[in-house]
PDB file of N, CA and C in Angstrom:
ATOM      1  N   UNK A   1     152.015 161.611  86.479  1.00  0.00           N
ATOM      2  CA  UNK A   1     151.292 162.883  86.559  1.00  0.00           C
ATOM      3  C   UNK A   1     150.450 163.304  85.144  1.00  0.00           C
ATOM      4  N   UNK A   2     149.339 163.636  85.535  1.00  0.00           N
ATOM      5  CA  UNK A   2     148.546 164.126  84.195  1.00  0.00           C
ATOM      6  C   UNK A   2     148.040 165.415  84.518  1.00  0.00           C
ATOM      7  N   UNK A   3     148.065 166.306  83.547  1.00  0.00           N
ATOM      8  CA  UNK A   3     147.371 167.753  83.683  1.00  0.00           C
ATOM      9  C   UNK A   3     146.090 167.392  83.397  1.00  0.00           C
ATOM     10  N   UNK A   4     144.995 167.775  83.995  1.00  0.00           N
ATOM     11  CA  UNK A   4     143.662 167.663  83.809  1.00  0.00           C
ATOM     12  C   UNK A   4     142.941 168.905  83.578  1.00  0.00           C
ATOM     13  N   UNK A   5     143.716 170.085  83.822  1.00  0.00           N
ATOM     14  CA  UNK A   5     143.001 171.403  83.511  1.00  0.00           C
ATOM     15  C   UNK A   5     143.596 172.476  84.483  1.00  0.00           C
ATOM     16  N   UNK A   6     142.935 173.470  84.314  1.00  0.00           N
ATOM     17  CA  UNK A   6     143.360 174.722  84.989  1.00  0.00           C
ATOM     18  C   UNK A   6     144.518 175.534  84.450  1.00  0.00           C
ATOM     19  N   UNK A   7     145.142 176.140  85.163  1.00  0.00           N
ATOM     20  CA  UNK A   7     146.345 177.091  84.781  1.00  0.00           C
ATOM     21  C   UNK A   7     147.285 177.272  85.662  1.00  0.00           C
ATOM     22  N   UNK A   8     148.417 177.034  85.359  1.00  0.00           N
ATOM     23  CA  UNK A   8     149.757 177.120  86.365  1.00  0.00           C
ATOM     24  C   UNK A   8     149.750 178.774  86.419  1.00  0.00           C
ATOM     25  N   UNK A   9     149.779 179.123  87.869  1.00  0.00           N
ATOM     26  CA  UNK A   9     149.850 180.357  88.113  1.00  0.00           C
ATOM     27  C   UNK A   9     151.091 180.667  89.377  1.00  0.00           C
ATOM     28  N   UNK A  10     152.053 180.550  88.893  1.00  0.00           N
ATOM     29  CA  UNK A  10     153.118 180.613  90.113  1.00  0.00           C
ATOM     30  C   UNK A  10     153.012 181.780  90.990  1.00  0.00           C
ATOM     31  N   UNK A  11     153.617 181.846  91.995  1.00  0.00           N
ATOM     32  CA  UNK A  11     153.803 182.748  92.844  1.00  0.00           C
ATOM     33  C   UNK A  11     155.385 183.420  92.751  1.00  0.00           C
ATOM     34  N   UNK A  12     155.378 184.499  91.965  1.00  0.00           N
ATOM     35  CA  UNK A  12     156.435 184.905  91.095  1.00  0.00           C
ATOM     36  C   UNK A  12     157.592 185.036  92.224  1.00  0.00           C
ATOM     37  N   UNK A  13     157.452 185.293  93.460  1.00  0.00           N
ATOM     38  CA  UNK A  13     158.452 185.426  94.637  1.00  0.00           C
ATOM     39  C   UNK A  13     159.121 184.313  94.978  1.00  0.00           C
ATOM     40  N   UNK A  14     158.277 183.043  94.646  1.00  0.00           N
ATOM     41  CA  UNK A  14     158.889 181.627  95.266  1.00  0.00           C
ATOM     42  C   UNK A  14     158.998 180.614  94.081  1.00  0.00           C
ATOM     43  N   UNK A  15     158.517 180.786  92.689  1.00  0.00           N
ATOM     44  CA  UNK A  15     158.829 179.903  91.786  1.00  0.00           C
ATOM     45  C   UNK A  15     159.546 180.477  90.685  1.00  0.00           C
ATOM     46  N   UNK A  16     160.743 180.075  90.330  1.00  0.00           N
ATOM     47  CA  UNK A  16     161.713 180.196  89.226  1.00  0.00           C
ATOM     48  C   UNK A  16     161.479 179.580  87.925  1.00  0.00           C
ATOM     49  N   UNK A  17     160.823 178.222  88.075  1.00  0.00           N
ATOM     50  CA  UNK A  17     160.413 177.333  86.873  1.00  0.00           C
ATOM     51  C   UNK A  17     159.441 176.468  87.260  1.00  0.00           C
ATOM     52  N   UNK A  18     159.028 175.822  86.143  1.00  0.00           N
ATOM     53  CA  UNK A  18     157.798 174.567  86.519  1.00  0.00           C
ATOM     54  C   UNK A  18     158.343 173.523  85.508  1.00  0.00           C
ATOM     55  N   UNK A  19     158.653 172.386  85.834  1.00  0.00           N
ATOM     56  CA  UNK A  19     158.843 171.347  85.035  1.00  0.00           C
ATOM     57  C   UNK A  19     158.387 169.968  85.450  1.00  0.00           C
ATOM     58  N   UNK A  20     157.996 168.946  84.526  1.00  0.00           N
ATOM     59  CA  UNK A  20     157.498 167.782  84.826  1.00  0.00           C
ATOM     60  C   UNK A  20     158.748 166.753  84.704  1.00  0.00           C
ATOM     61  N   UNK A  21     158.822 166.125  85.913  1.00  0.00           N
ATOM     62  CA  UNK A  21     160.002 164.960  85.718  1.00  0.00           C
ATOM     63  C   UNK A  21     159.541 163.711  86.166  1.00  0.00           C
ATOM     64  N   UNK A  22     160.100 162.374  85.499  1.00  0.00           N
ATOM     65  CA  UNK A  22     159.717 161.237  86.054  1.00  0.00           C
ATOM     66  C   UNK A  22     159.886 160.891  87.595  1.00  0.00           C
ATOM     67  N   UNK A  23     159.489 160.172  88.178  1.00  0.00           N
ATOM     68  CA  UNK A  23     159.578 160.106  89.544  1.00  0.00           C
ATOM     69  C   UNK A  23     160.985 159.620  89.804  1.00  0.00           C
ATOM     70  N   UNK A  24     161.685 158.862  89.051  1.00  0.00           N
ATOM     71  CA  UNK A  24     162.996 158.137  89.403  1.00  0.00           C
ATOM     72  C   UNK A  24     163.896 159.285  89.036  1.00  0.00           C
ATOM     73  N   UNK A  25     163.503 160.375  88.321  1.00  0.00           N
ATOM     74  CA  UNK A  25     164.542 161.398  88.263  1.00  0.00           C
ATOM     75  C   UNK A  25     164.462 162.910  89.036  1.00  0.00           C
ATOM     76  N   UNK A  26     163.345 162.928  89.761  1.00  0.00           N
ATOM     77  CA  UNK A  26     163.138 163.946  90.255  1.00  0.00           C
ATOM     78  C   UNK A  26     164.102 164.158  91.347  1.00  0.00           C
ATOM     79  N   UNK A  27     164.169 162.959  92.172  1.00  0.00           N
ATOM     80  CA  UNK A  27     165.199 163.275  93.405  1.00  0.00           C
ATOM     81  C   UNK A  27     166.429 163.779  93.278  1.00  0.00           C
ATOM     82  N   UNK A  28     167.083 163.632  91.896  1.00  0.00           N
ATOM     83  CA  UNK A  28     168.305 164.229  91.812  1.00  0.00           C
ATOM     84  C   UNK A  28     168.235 165.513  91.329  1.00  0.00           C
ATOM     85  N   UNK A  29     166.852 166.132  91.292  1.00  0.00           N
ATOM     86  CA  UNK A  29     166.707 167.686  90.888  1.00  0.00           C
ATOM     87  C   UNK A  29     166.473 168.448  92.324  1.00  0.00           C
ATOM     88  N   UNK A  30     165.940 167.720  93.357  1.00  0.00           N
ATOM     89  CA  UNK A  30     165.615 168.562  94.622  1.00  0.00           C
ATOM     90  C   UNK A  30     166.557 168.900  95.236  1.00  0.00           C
ATOM     91  N   UNK A  31     166.312 169.934  96.086  1.00  0.00           N
ATOM     92  CA  UNK A  31     167.551 170.675  96.908  1.00  0.00           C
ATOM     93  C   UNK A  31     167.254 170.231  98.517  1.00  0.00           C
ATOM     94  N   UNK A  32     166.183 170.156  99.049  1.00  0.00           N
ATOM     95  CA  UNK A  32     165.790 169.904 100.267  1.00  0.00           C
ATOM     96  C   UNK A  32     165.383 168.497 100.725  1.00  0.00           C
ATOM     97  N   UNK A  33     166.018 167.909 102.010  1.00  0.00           N
ATOM     98  CA  UNK A  33     165.938 166.453 102.217  1.00  0.00           C
ATOM     99  C   UNK A  33     164.281 166.067 102.564  1.00  0.00           C
ATOM    100  N   UNK A  34     163.595 167.058 102.842  1.00  0.00           N
ATOM    101  CA  UNK A  34     162.101 166.790 103.230  1.00  0.00           C
ATOM    102  C   UNK A  34     161.357 166.858 101.941  1.00  0.00           C
ATOM    103  N   UNK A  35     161.890 167.437 100.867  1.00  0.00           N
ATOM    104  CA  UNK A  35     161.386 167.278  99.369  1.00  0.00           C
ATOM    105  C   UNK A  35     161.520 165.817  98.837  1.00  0.00           C
ATOM    106  N   UNK A  36     162.816 165.336  98.985  1.00  0.00           N
ATOM    107  CA  UNK A  36     163.258 163.921  98.681  1.00  0.00           C
ATOM    108  C   UNK A  36     162.502 163.088  99.499  1.00  0.00           C
ATOM    109  N   UNK A  37     162.283 162.998 100.799  1.00  0.00           N
ATOM    110  CA  UNK A  37     161.547 162.183 101.493  1.00  0.00           C
ATOM    111  C   UNK A  37     160.210 162.025 100.837  1.00  0.00           C
ATOM    112  N   UNK A  38     159.466 163.202 100.584  1.00  0.00           N
ATOM    113  CA  UNK A  38     158.184 163.415 100.121  1.00  0.00           C
ATOM    114  C   UNK A  38     158.094 162.584  98.790  1.00  0.00           C
ATOM    115  N   UNK A  39     158.877 162.694  97.860  1.00  0.00           N
ATOM    116  CA  UNK A  39     158.905 162.050  96.702  1.00  0.00           C
ATOM    117  C   UNK A  39     159.151 160.458  96.752  1.00  0.00           C
ATOM    118  N   UNK A  40     159.957 160.318  97.624  1.00  0.00           N
ATOM    119  CA  UNK A  40     160.308 158.993  98.024  1.00  0.00           C
ATOM    120  C   UNK A  40     159.105 158.207  98.470  1.00  0.00           C
ATOM    121  N   UNK A  41     158.377 158.666  99.522  1.00  0.00           N
ATOM    122  CA  UNK A  41     157.053 158.154 100.024  1.00  0.00           C
ATOM    123  C   UNK A  41     155.956 158.040  98.824  1.00  0.00           C
ATOM    124  N   UNK A  42     155.677 159.062  98.057  1.00  0.00           N
ATOM    125  CA  UNK A  42     154.730 159.095  97.188  1.00  0.00           C
ATOM    126  C   UNK A  42     155.126 157.919  96.002  1.00  0.00           C
ATOM    127  N   UNK A  43     156.424 157.676  95.894  1.00  0.00           N
ATOM    128  CA  UNK A  43     156.694 156.560  94.739  1.00  0.00           C
ATOM    129  C   UNK A  43     156.519 155.442  95.521  1.00  0.00           C
ATOM    130  N   UNK A  44     156.776 155.000  96.790  1.00  0.00           N
ATOM    131  CA  UNK A  44     156.127 153.978  97.355  1.00  0.00           C
ATOM    132  C   UNK A  44     154.814 153.848  97.185  1.00  0.00           C
ATOM    133  N   UNK A  45     153.823 154.832  97.622  1.00  0.00           N
ATOM    134  CA  UNK A  45     152.411 154.848  97.504  1.00  0.00           C
ATOM    135  C   UNK A  45     151.843 154.329  96.311  1.00  0.00           C
ATOM    136  N   UNK A  46     152.704 154.912  95.073  1.00  0.00           N
ATOM    137  CA  UNK A  46     152.048 154.645  93.893  1.00  0.00           C
ATOM    138  C   UNK A  46     152.511 153.512  93.131  1.00  0.00           C
ATOM    139  N   UNK A  47     153.440 152.617  93.807  1.00  0.00           N
ATOM    140  CA  UNK A  47     153.925 151.248  93.341  1.00  0.00           C
ATOM    141  C   UNK A  47     152.841 150.158  93.670  1.00  0.00           C
TER     142      UNK A  47
END
């Protein structure tokens, strides 16, 4: 991913932290099965 402009403005009640991770590493950081599935499908599409 590449930042292309704008400003990160989290909704304080929903976001504790914002970080960038390589696709291979992100799955180990996610908590919910649907998030892991989304990243897995995204990785397949980008390959």
